[in-house]
Amino acid sequence: MRNATTAVKNNFRVIEGDNNKQSTDNGELQKLPVMKSIKEMVELTGLSYMHLRNLCLENKIVHIRAGKKYLINYDRFCDYLNGIG
Protein backbone atom coordinates (compact mmCIF):
# COMPACT_ATOMS: atom_id res chain seq x y z
CA MET A 1 0.00 0.00 0.00
CA ARG A 2 1.36 3.36 -0.95
CA ASN A 3 1.03 6.43 1.25
CA ALA A 4 -0.58 4.43 4.05
CA THR A 5 0.14 4.86 7.73
CA THR A 6 -0.85 2.62 10.59
CA ALA A 7 -2.29 4.12 13.75
CA VAL A 8 -3.92 2.69 16.85
CA LYS A 9 -7.32 4.17 17.67
CA ASN A 10 -9.56 2.81 20.43
CA ASN A 11 -7.46 -0.39 20.61
CA PHE A 12 -7.97 -1.07 16.88
CA ARG A 13 -5.24 -0.91 14.29
CA VAL A 14 -6.36 1.50 11.56
CA ILE A 15 -4.68 1.78 8.18
CA GLU A 16 -4.96 5.33 6.97
CA GLY A 17 -4.26 6.20 3.39
CA ASP A 18 -5.75 7.47 0.17
CA ASN A 19 -9.00 5.49 -0.06
CA ASN A 20 -10.14 7.25 -3.22
CA LYS A 21 -7.60 5.58 -5.49
CA GLN A 22 -6.87 1.99 -6.45
CA SER A 23 -3.79 0.85 -8.36
CA THR A 24 -4.16 -1.19 -11.54
CA ASP A 25 -1.75 -3.66 -13.16
CA ASN A 26 -0.13 -1.05 -15.39
CA GLY A 27 0.65 1.29 -12.49
CA GLU A 28 -2.12 3.81 -13.15
CA LEU A 29 -4.39 4.90 -10.33
CA GLN A 30 -8.13 4.49 -10.69
CA LYS A 31 -10.78 6.27 -8.63
CA LEU A 32 -12.99 4.01 -6.51
CA PRO A 33 -16.75 4.45 -6.93
CA VAL A 34 -18.70 6.31 -4.27
CA MET A 35 -21.54 4.09 -3.10
CA LYS A 36 -24.48 5.51 -1.13
CA SER A 37 -27.43 3.78 0.51
CA ILE A 38 -30.95 4.63 -0.57
CA LYS A 39 -31.49 6.61 2.64
CA GLU A 40 -28.38 8.69 1.95
CA MET A 41 -29.55 9.29 -1.62
CA VAL A 42 -32.96 10.43 -0.35
CA GLU A 43 -31.21 13.10 1.75
CA LEU A 44 -28.95 14.16 -1.13
CA THR A 45 -31.51 14.27 -3.93
CA GLY A 46 -34.92 14.79 -2.32
CA LEU A 47 -36.37 11.86 -4.29
CA SER A 48 -38.56 9.43 -2.38
CA TYR A 49 -37.24 6.19 -0.95
CA MET A 50 -39.71 4.09 -2.95
CA HIS A 51 -38.84 5.83 -6.22
CA LEU A 52 -35.12 5.15 -5.74
CA ARG A 53 -35.84 1.57 -4.69
CA ASN A 54 -38.00 1.04 -7.80
CA LEU A 55 -35.19 2.40 -10.00
CA CYS A 56 -32.93 -0.25 -8.46
CA LEU A 57 -35.49 -3.02 -8.90
CA GLU A 58 -35.99 -2.06 -12.55
CA ASN A 59 -32.19 -1.89 -13.09
CA LYS A 60 -32.44 1.67 -14.38
CA ILE A 61 -29.56 2.88 -12.19
CA VAL A 62 -26.20 1.34 -11.32
CA HIS A 63 -26.41 -0.35 -7.93
CA ILE A 64 -25.36 -3.42 -5.97
CA ARG A 65 -27.06 -5.32 -3.17
CA ALA A 66 -25.26 -5.95 0.09
CA GLY A 67 -27.64 -8.28 1.92
CA LYS A 68 -30.94 -6.43 2.06
CA LYS A 69 -29.33 -3.04 1.48
CA TYR A 70 -29.08 -1.36 -1.93
CA LEU A 71 -25.94 0.68 -2.59
CA ILE A 72 -26.19 3.15 -5.46
CA ASN A 73 -23.19 4.38 -7.43
CA TYR A 74 -23.39 8.13 -6.78
CA ASP A 75 -21.44 9.31 -9.84
CA ARG A 76 -23.41 7.09 -12.23
CA PHE A 77 -26.67 8.22 -10.62
CA CYS A 78 -25.71 11.86 -11.29
CA ASP A 79 -25.09 10.86 -14.92
CA TYR A 80 -28.52 9.19 -14.99
CA LEU A 81 -30.17 12.37 -13.72
CA ASN A 82 -28.33 14.42 -16.34
CA GLY A 83 -29.40 12.07 -19.11
CA ILE A 84 -25.92 10.76 -19.82
CA GLY A 85 -25.55 7.07 -20.62
PDB file of N, CA and C in Angstrom:
ATOM      1  N   MET A   1       0.838  -1.185   0.000  1.00  0.00           N
ATOM      2  CA  MET A   1       0.000   0.000   0.000  1.00  0.00           C
ATOM      3  C   MET A   1       0.874   1.236   0.000  1.00  0.00           C
ATOM      4  N   ARG A   2       0.585   2.125  -0.882  1.00  0.00           N
ATOM      5  CA  ARG A   2       1.355   3.364  -0.949  1.00  0.00           C
ATOM      6  C   ARG A   2       0.703   4.428  -0.096  1.00  0.00           C
ATOM      7  N   ASN A   3       1.508   5.284   0.480  1.00  0.00           N
ATOM      8  CA  ASN A   3       1.032   6.428   1.252  1.00  0.00           C
ATOM      9  C   ASN A   3       0.070   6.028   2.368  1.00  0.00           C
ATOM     10  N   ALA A   4       0.289   4.882   2.965  1.00  0.00           N
ATOM     11  CA  ALA A   4      -0.577   4.429   4.053  1.00  0.00           C
ATOM     12  C   ALA A   4       0.199   4.464   5.358  1.00  0.00           C
ATOM     13  N   THR A   5      -0.455   4.861   6.409  1.00  0.00           N
ATOM     14  CA  THR A   5       0.144   4.856   7.732  1.00  0.00           C
ATOM     15  C   THR A   5      -0.740   4.022   8.642  1.00  0.00           C
ATOM     16  N   THR A   6      -0.115   3.423   9.631  1.00  0.00           N
ATOM     17  CA  THR A   6      -0.853   2.616  10.586  1.00  0.00           C
ATOM     18  C   THR A   6      -0.917   3.354  11.905  1.00  0.00           C
ATOM     19  N   ALA A   7      -2.104   3.452  12.465  1.00  0.00           N
ATOM     20  CA  ALA A   7      -2.292   4.119  13.746  1.00  0.00           C
ATOM     21  C   ALA A   7      -3.179   3.235  14.615  1.00  0.00           C
ATOM     22  N   VAL A   8      -3.085   3.428  15.926  1.00  0.00           N
ATOM     23  CA  VAL A   8      -3.924   2.688  16.846  1.00  0.00           C
ATOM     24  C   VAL A   8      -4.955   3.653  17.412  1.00  0.00           C
ATOM     25  N   LYS A   9      -6.229   3.341  17.183  1.00  0.00           N
ATOM     26  CA  LYS A   9      -7.318   4.169  17.673  1.00  0.00           C
ATOM     27  C   LYS A   9      -8.309   3.266  18.388  1.00  0.00           C
ATOM     28  N   ASN A  10      -8.600   3.581  19.621  1.00  0.00           N
ATOM     29  CA  ASN A  10      -9.562   2.813  20.425  1.00  0.00           C
ATOM     30  C   ASN A  10      -9.242   1.317  20.405  1.00  0.00           C
ATOM     31  N   ASN A  11      -7.952   0.998  20.566  1.00  0.00           N
ATOM     32  CA  ASN A  11      -7.461  -0.386  20.608  1.00  0.00           C
ATOM     33  C   ASN A  11      -7.649  -1.150  19.302  1.00  0.00           C
ATOM     34  N   PHE A  12      -7.883  -0.449  18.189  1.00  0.00           N
ATOM     35  CA  PHE A  12      -7.968  -1.066  16.881  1.00  0.00           C
ATOM     36  C   PHE A  12      -6.861  -0.508  16.007  1.00  0.00           C
ATOM     37  N   ARG A  13      -6.255  -1.372  15.225  1.00  0.00           N
ATOM     38  CA  ARG A  13      -5.244  -0.906  14.286  1.00  0.00           C
ATOM     39  C   ARG A  13      -5.963  -0.391  13.050  1.00  0.00           C
ATOM     40  N   VAL A  14      -5.702   0.852  12.674  1.00  0.00           N
ATOM     41  CA  VAL A  14      -6.364   1.503  11.560  1.00  0.00           C
ATOM     42  C   VAL A  14      -5.312   1.831  10.513  1.00  0.00           C
ATOM     43  N   ILE A  15      -5.572   1.430   9.288  1.00  0.00           N
ATOM     44  CA  ILE A  15      -4.680   1.778   8.185  1.00  0.00           C
ATOM     45  C   ILE A  15      -5.256   3.002   7.513  1.00  0.00           C
ATOM     46  N   GLU A  16      -4.507   4.081   7.576  1.00  0.00           N
ATOM     47  CA  GLU A  16      -4.962   5.328   6.974  1.00  0.00           C
ATOM     48  C   GLU A  16      -4.201   5.549   5.690  1.00  0.00           C
ATOM     49  N   GLY A  17      -4.902   5.954   4.670  1.00  0.00           N
ATOM     50  CA  GLY A  17      -4.263   6.203   3.388  1.00  0.00           C
ATOM     51  C   GLY A  17      -5.231   6.866   2.449  1.00  0.00           C
ATOM     52  N   ASP A  18      -4.900   6.871   1.191  1.00  0.00           N
ATOM     53  CA  ASP A  18      -5.752   7.466   0.172  1.00  0.00           C
ATOM     54  C   ASP A  18      -6.763   6.422  -0.285  1.00  0.00           C
ATOM     55  N   ASN A  19      -7.974   6.477   0.256  1.00  0.00           N
ATOM     56  CA  ASN A  19      -9.000   5.488  -0.057  1.00  0.00           C
ATOM     57  C   ASN A  19      -9.714   5.774  -1.360  1.00  0.00           C
ATOM     58  N   ASN A  20      -9.439   6.894  -1.998  1.00  0.00           N
ATOM     59  CA  ASN A  20     -10.139   7.251  -3.225  1.00  0.00           C
ATOM     60  C   ASN A  20      -9.470   6.694  -4.467  1.00  0.00           C
ATOM     61  N   LYS A  21      -8.317   6.058  -4.319  1.00  0.00           N
ATOM     62  CA  LYS A  21      -7.596   5.580  -5.487  1.00  0.00           C
ATOM     63  C   LYS A  21      -7.243   4.119  -5.314  1.00  0.00           C
ATOM     64  N   GLN A  22      -7.214   3.391  -6.435  1.00  0.00           N
ATOM     65  CA  GLN A  22      -6.873   1.985  -6.445  1.00  0.00           C
ATOM     66  C   GLN A  22      -5.882   1.776  -7.578  1.00  0.00           C
ATOM     67  N   SER A  23      -4.789   1.049  -7.314  1.00  0.00           N
ATOM     68  CA  SER A  23      -3.792   0.848  -8.359  1.00  0.00           C
ATOM     69  C   SER A  23      -4.233  -0.280  -9.280  1.00  0.00           C
ATOM     70  N   THR A  24      -3.859  -0.170 -10.550  1.00  0.00           N
ATOM     71  CA  THR A  24      -4.156  -1.192 -11.540  1.00  0.00           C
ATOM     72  C   THR A  24      -2.860  -1.886 -11.917  1.00  0.00           C
ATOM     73  N   ASP A  25      -2.924  -2.884 -12.778  1.00  0.00           N
ATOM     74  CA  ASP A  25      -1.747  -3.665 -13.155  1.00  0.00           C
ATOM     75  C   ASP A  25      -0.687  -2.828 -13.869  1.00  0.00           C
ATOM     76  N   ASN A  26      -1.100  -1.828 -14.638  1.00  0.00           N
ATOM     77  CA  ASN A  26      -0.129  -1.048 -15.389  1.00  0.00           C
ATOM     78  C   ASN A  26       0.379   0.163 -14.609  1.00  0.00           C
ATOM     79  N   GLY A  27       0.110   0.230 -13.321  1.00  0.00           N
ATOM     80  CA  GLY A  27       0.651   1.289 -12.490  1.00  0.00           C
ATOM     81  C   GLY A  27      -0.201   2.540 -12.406  1.00  0.00           C
ATOM     82  N   GLU A  28      -1.258   2.633 -13.203  1.00  0.00           N
ATOM     83  CA  GLU A  28      -2.117   3.806 -13.146  1.00  0.00           C
ATOM     84  C   GLU A  28      -3.040   3.721 -11.947  1.00  0.00           C
ATOM     85  N   LEU A  29      -3.463   4.867 -11.449  1.00  0.00           N
ATOM     86  CA  LEU A  29      -4.392   4.896 -10.332  1.00  0.00           C
ATOM     87  C   LEU A  29      -5.799   5.127 -10.847  1.00  0.00           C
ATOM     88  N   GLN A  30      -6.736   4.408 -10.267  1.00  0.00           N
ATOM     89  CA  GLN A  30      -8.128   4.485 -10.693  1.00  0.00           C
ATOM     90  C   GLN A  30      -8.970   4.899  -9.494  1.00  0.00           C
ATOM     91  N   LYS A  31      -9.922   5.793  -9.702  1.00  0.00           N
ATOM     92  CA  LYS A  31     -10.781   6.274  -8.626  1.00  0.00           C
ATOM     93  C   LYS A  31     -11.809   5.204  -8.267  1.00  0.00           C
ATOM     94  N   LEU A  32     -11.977   4.955  -6.964  1.00  0.00           N
ATOM     95  CA  LEU A  32     -12.987   4.007  -6.510  1.00  0.00           C
ATOM     96  C   LEU A  32     -14.365   4.649  -6.569  1.00  0.00           C
ATOM     97  N   PRO A  33     -15.409   3.869  -6.864  1.00  0.00           N
ATOM     98  CA  PRO A  33     -16.753   4.449  -6.931  1.00  0.00           C
ATOM     99  C   PRO A  33     -17.266   4.829  -5.548  1.00  0.00           C
ATOM    100  N   VAL A  34     -18.066   5.876  -5.506  1.00  0.00           N
ATOM    101  CA  VAL A  34     -18.700   6.313  -4.265  1.00  0.00           C
ATOM    102  C   VAL A  34     -20.070   5.659  -4.222  1.00  0.00           C
ATOM    103  N   MET A  35     -20.286   4.810  -3.222  1.00  0.00           N
ATOM    104  CA  MET A  35     -21.542   4.087  -3.095  1.00  0.00           C
ATOM    105  C   MET A  35     -22.327   4.664  -1.929  1.00  0.00           C
ATOM    106  N   LYS A  36     -23.605   4.937  -2.156  1.00  0.00           N
ATOM    107  CA  LYS A  36     -24.480   5.514  -1.126  1.00  0.00           C
ATOM    108  C   LYS A  36     -25.701   4.622  -0.957  1.00  0.00           C
ATOM    109  N   SER A  37     -26.196   4.529   0.265  1.00  0.00           N
ATOM    110  CA  SER A  37     -27.427   3.779   0.511  1.00  0.00           C
ATOM    111  C   SER A  37     -28.618   4.584  -0.005  1.00  0.00           C
ATOM    112  N   ILE A  38     -29.758   3.930  -0.093  1.00  0.00           N
ATOM    113  CA  ILE A  38     -30.954   4.628  -0.571  1.00  0.00           C
ATOM    114  C   ILE A  38     -31.307   5.770   0.373  1.00  0.00           C
ATOM    115  N   LYS A  39     -31.173   5.549   1.675  1.00  0.00           N
ATOM    116  CA  LYS A  39     -31.492   6.608   2.637  1.00  0.00           C
ATOM    117  C   LYS A  39     -30.578   7.813   2.458  1.00  0.00           C
ATOM    118  N   GLU A  40     -29.297   7.576   2.191  1.00  0.00           N
ATOM    119  CA  GLU A  40     -28.376   8.689   1.946  1.00  0.00           C
ATOM    120  C   GLU A  40     -28.749   9.419   0.664  1.00  0.00           C
ATOM    121  N   MET A  41     -29.168   8.668  -0.361  1.00  0.00           N
ATOM    122  CA  MET A  41     -29.550   9.292  -1.625  1.00  0.00           C
ATOM    123  C   MET A  41     -30.829  10.103  -1.479  1.00  0.00           C
ATOM    124  N   VAL A  42     -31.738   9.665  -0.608  1.00  0.00           N
ATOM    125  CA  VAL A  42     -32.963  10.435  -0.345  1.00  0.00           C
ATOM    126  C   VAL A  42     -32.588  11.801   0.202  1.00  0.00           C
ATOM    127  N   GLU A  43     -31.640  11.834   1.157  1.00  0.00           N
ATOM    128  CA  GLU A  43     -31.210  13.102   1.750  1.00  0.00           C
ATOM    129  C   GLU A  43     -30.500  13.988   0.735  1.00  0.00           C
ATOM    130  N   LEU A  44     -29.715  13.380  -0.154  1.00  0.00           N
ATOM    131  CA  LEU A  44     -28.947  14.156  -1.127  1.00  0.00           C
ATOM    132  C   LEU A  44     -29.800  14.696  -2.274  1.00  0.00           C
ATOM    133  N   THR A  45     -30.782  13.901  -2.719  1.00  0.00           N
ATOM    134  CA  THR A  45     -31.512  14.268  -3.927  1.00  0.00           C
ATOM    135  C   THR A  45     -32.917  14.795  -3.673  1.00  0.00           C
ATOM    136  N   GLY A  46     -33.536  14.398  -2.574  1.00  0.00           N
ATOM    137  CA  GLY A  46     -34.916  14.790  -2.319  1.00  0.00           C
ATOM    138  C   GLY A  46     -35.928  13.873  -2.979  1.00  0.00           C
ATOM    139  N   LEU A  47     -35.461  12.846  -3.701  1.00  0.00           N
ATOM    140  CA  LEU A  47     -36.371  11.862  -4.294  1.00  0.00           C
ATOM    141  C   LEU A  47     -36.862  10.936  -3.194  1.00  0.00           C
ATOM    142  N   SER A  48     -38.005  10.309  -3.414  1.00  0.00           N
ATOM    143  CA  SER A  48     -38.563   9.434  -2.382  1.00  0.00           C
ATOM    144  C   SER A  48     -37.807   8.108  -2.324  1.00  0.00           C
ATOM    145  N   TYR A  49     -37.887   7.476  -1.169  1.00  0.00           N
ATOM    146  CA  TYR A  49     -37.245   6.186  -0.948  1.00  0.00           C
ATOM    147  C   TYR A  49     -37.775   5.147  -1.923  1.00  0.00           C
ATOM    148  N   MET A  50     -39.106   5.093  -2.068  1.00  0.00           N
ATOM    149  CA  MET A  50     -39.711   4.089  -2.949  1.00  0.00           C
ATOM    150  C   MET A  50     -39.338   4.312  -4.407  1.00  0.00           C
ATOM    151  N   HIS A  51     -39.219   5.564  -4.834  1.00  0.00           N
ATOM    152  CA  HIS A  51     -38.835   5.835  -6.224  1.00  0.00           C
ATOM    153  C   HIS A  51     -37.416   5.326  -6.487  1.00  0.00           C
ATOM    154  N   LEU A  52     -36.491   5.626  -5.571  1.00  0.00           N
ATOM    155  CA  LEU A  52     -35.118   5.152  -5.737  1.00  0.00           C
ATOM    156  C   LEU A  52     -35.048   3.632  -5.690  1.00  0.00           C
ATOM    157  N   ARG A  53     -35.806   3.030  -4.797  1.00  0.00           N
ATOM    158  CA  ARG A  53     -35.837   1.566  -4.690  1.00  0.00           C
ATOM    159  C   ARG A  53     -36.388   0.956  -5.980  1.00  0.00           C
ATOM    160  N   ASN A  54     -37.438   1.548  -6.541  1.00  0.00           N
ATOM    161  CA  ASN A  54     -37.999   1.045  -7.796  1.00  0.00           C
ATOM    162  C   ASN A  54     -37.011   1.179  -8.944  1.00  0.00           C
ATOM    163  N   LEU A  55     -36.227   2.257  -8.974  1.00  0.00           N
ATOM    164  CA  LEU A  55     -35.190   2.404 -10.002  1.00  0.00           C
ATOM    165  C   LEU A  55     -34.171   1.274  -9.894  1.00  0.00           C
ATOM    166  N   CYS A  56     -33.850   0.880  -8.667  1.00  0.00           N
ATOM    167  CA  CYS A  56     -32.935  -0.247  -8.459  1.00  0.00           C
ATOM    168  C   CYS A  56     -33.573  -1.551  -8.919  1.00  0.00           C
ATOM    169  N   LEU A  57     -34.812  -1.775  -8.540  1.00  0.00           N
ATOM    170  CA  LEU A  57     -35.493  -3.019  -8.895  1.00  0.00           C
ATOM    171  C   LEU A  57     -35.660  -3.162 -10.406  1.00  0.00           C
ATOM    172  N   GLU A  58     -35.834  -2.042 -11.103  1.00  0.00           N
ATOM    173  CA  GLU A  58     -35.993  -2.058 -12.555  1.00  0.00           C
ATOM    174  C   GLU A  58     -34.655  -1.977 -13.287  1.00  0.00           C
ATOM    175  N   ASN A  59     -33.546  -1.974 -12.534  1.00  0.00           N
ATOM    176  CA  ASN A  59     -32.188  -1.894 -13.088  1.00  0.00           C
ATOM    177  C   ASN A  59     -31.993  -0.674 -13.983  1.00  0.00           C
ATOM    178  N   LYS A  60     -32.601   0.437 -13.614  1.00  0.00           N
ATOM    179  CA  LYS A  60     -32.439   1.666 -14.380  1.00  0.00           C
ATOM    180  C   LYS A  60     -31.232   2.470 -13.915  1.00  0.00           C
ATOM    181  N   ILE A  61     -30.743   2.201 -12.707  1.00  0.00           N
ATOM    182  CA  ILE A  61     -29.558   2.883 -12.189  1.00  0.00           C
ATOM    183  C   ILE A  61     -28.544   1.836 -11.747  1.00  0.00           C
ATOM    184  N   VAL A  62     -27.276   2.247 -11.715  1.00  0.00           N
ATOM    185  CA  VAL A  62     -26.199   1.339 -11.325  1.00  0.00           C
ATOM    186  C   VAL A  62     -26.217   1.181  -9.813  1.00  0.00           C
ATOM    187  N   HIS A  63     -26.345  -0.071  -9.361  1.00  0.00           N
ATOM    188  CA  HIS A  63     -26.407  -0.353  -7.929  1.00  0.00           C
ATOM    189  C   HIS A  63     -25.902  -1.769  -7.668  1.00  0.00           C
ATOM    190  N   ILE A  64     -25.655  -2.059  -6.399  1.00  0.00           N
ATOM    191  CA  ILE A  64     -25.362  -3.419  -5.965  1.00  0.00           C
ATOM    192  C   ILE A  64     -26.189  -3.683  -4.715  1.00  0.00           C
ATOM    193  N   ARG A  65     -26.366  -4.947  -4.404  1.00  0.00           N
ATOM    194  CA  ARG A  65     -27.057  -5.321  -3.174  1.00  0.00           C
ATOM    195  C   ARG A  65     -26.045  -5.903  -2.211  1.00  0.00           C
ATOM    196  N   ALA A  66     -26.080  -5.414  -0.991  1.00  0.00           N
ATOM    197  CA  ALA A  66     -25.260  -5.953   0.091  1.00  0.00           C
ATOM    198  C   ALA A  66     -26.240  -6.459   1.139  1.00  0.00           C
ATOM    199  N   GLY A  67     -26.586  -7.736   1.062  1.00  0.00           N
ATOM    200  CA  GLY A  67     -27.636  -8.275   1.916  1.00  0.00           C
ATOM    201  C   GLY A  67     -28.974  -7.722   1.476  1.00  0.00           C
ATOM    202  N   LYS A  68     -29.664  -7.056   2.388  1.00  0.00           N
ATOM    203  CA  LYS A  68     -30.943  -6.428   2.057  1.00  0.00           C
ATOM    204  C   LYS A  68     -30.775  -4.990   1.594  1.00  0.00           C
ATOM    205  N   LYS A  69     -29.576  -4.454   1.754  1.00  0.00           N
ATOM    206  CA  LYS A  69     -29.328  -3.040   1.481  1.00  0.00           C
ATOM    207  C   LYS A  69     -28.920  -2.817   0.024  1.00  0.00           C
ATOM    208  N   TYR A  70     -29.469  -1.773  -0.582  1.00  0.00           N
ATOM    209  CA  TYR A  70     -29.079  -1.357  -1.932  1.00  0.00           C
ATOM    210  C   TYR A  70     -28.053  -0.238  -1.810  1.00  0.00           C
ATOM    211  N   LEU A  71     -26.954  -0.366  -2.540  1.00  0.00           N
ATOM    212  CA  LEU A  71     -25.937   0.680  -2.590  1.00  0.00           C
ATOM    213  C   LEU A  71     -25.888   1.205  -4.016  1.00  0.00           C
ATOM    214  N   ILE A  72     -26.089   2.501  -4.147  1.00  0.00           N
ATOM    215  CA  ILE A  72     -26.187   3.153  -5.456  1.00  0.00           C
ATOM    216  C   ILE A  72     -24.878   3.864  -5.757  1.00  0.00           C
ATOM    217  N   ASN A  73     -24.385   3.681  -6.981  1.00  0.00           N
ATOM    218  CA  ASN A  73     -23.191   4.379  -7.430  1.00  0.00           C
ATOM    219  C   ASN A  73     -23.552   5.851  -7.635  1.00  0.00           C
ATOM    220  N   TYR A  74     -23.002   6.715  -6.792  1.00  0.00           N
ATOM    221  CA  TYR A  74     -23.389   8.131  -6.781  1.00  0.00           C
ATOM    222  C   TYR A  74     -23.050   8.840  -8.095  1.00  0.00           C
ATOM    223  N   ASP A  75     -21.852   8.629  -8.612  1.00  0.00           N
ATOM    224  CA  ASP A  75     -21.438   9.309  -9.845  1.00  0.00           C
ATOM    225  C   ASP A  75     -22.302   8.880 -11.028  1.00  0.00           C
ATOM    226  N   ARG A  76     -22.575   7.587 -11.139  1.00  0.00           N
ATOM    227  CA  ARG A  76     -23.409   7.093 -12.227  1.00  0.00           C
ATOM    228  C   ARG A  76     -24.850   7.572 -12.075  1.00  0.00           C
ATOM    229  N   PHE A  77     -25.328   7.719 -10.823  1.00  0.00           N
ATOM    230  CA  PHE A  77     -26.669   8.223 -10.618  1.00  0.00           C
ATOM    231  C   PHE A  77     -26.772   9.678 -11.076  1.00  0.00           C
ATOM    232  N   CYS A  78     -25.739  10.467 -10.799  1.00  0.00           N
ATOM    233  CA  CYS A  78     -25.710  11.862 -11.292  1.00  0.00           C
ATOM    234  C   CYS A  78     -25.758  11.880 -12.816  1.00  0.00           C
ATOM    235  N   ASP A  79     -25.037  10.960 -13.468  1.00  0.00           N
ATOM    236  CA  ASP A  79     -25.089  10.861 -14.916  1.00  0.00           C
ATOM    237  C   ASP A  79     -26.496  10.493 -15.374  1.00  0.00           C
ATOM    238  N   TYR A  80     -27.152   9.595 -14.654  1.00  0.00           N
ATOM    239  CA  TYR A  80     -28.520   9.186 -14.992  1.00  0.00           C
ATOM    240  C   TYR A  80     -29.462  10.395 -14.918  1.00  0.00           C
ATOM    241  N   LEU A  81     -29.329  11.197 -13.861  1.00  0.00           N
ATOM    242  CA  LEU A  81     -30.171  12.372 -13.722  1.00  0.00           C
ATOM    243  C   LEU A  81     -29.922  13.406 -14.812  1.00  0.00           C
ATOM    244  N   ASN A  82     -28.673  13.478 -15.292  1.00  0.00           N
ATOM    245  CA  ASN A  82     -28.328  14.420 -16.343  1.00  0.00           C
ATOM    246  C   ASN A  82     -28.606  13.883 -17.732  1.00  0.00           C
ATOM    247  N   GLY A  83     -29.077  12.652 -17.813  1.00  0.00           N
ATOM    248  CA  GLY A  83     -29.404  12.068 -19.111  1.00  0.00           C
ATOM    249  C   GLY A  83     -28.217  11.531 -19.874  1.00  0.00           C
ATOM    250  N   ILE A  84     -27.124  11.292 -19.173  1.00  0.00           N
ATOM    251  CA  ILE A  84     -25.918  10.759 -19.819  1.00  0.00           C
ATOM    252  C   ILE A  84     -25.901   9.243 -19.622  1.00  0.00           C
ATOM    253  N   GLY A  85     -25.684   8.526 -20.713  1.00  0.00           N
ATOM    254  CA  GLY A  85     -25.554   7.068 -20.622  1.00  0.00           C
ATOM    255  C   GLY A  85     -26.829   6.427 -20.541  1.00  0.00           C
TER     256      GLY A  85
END
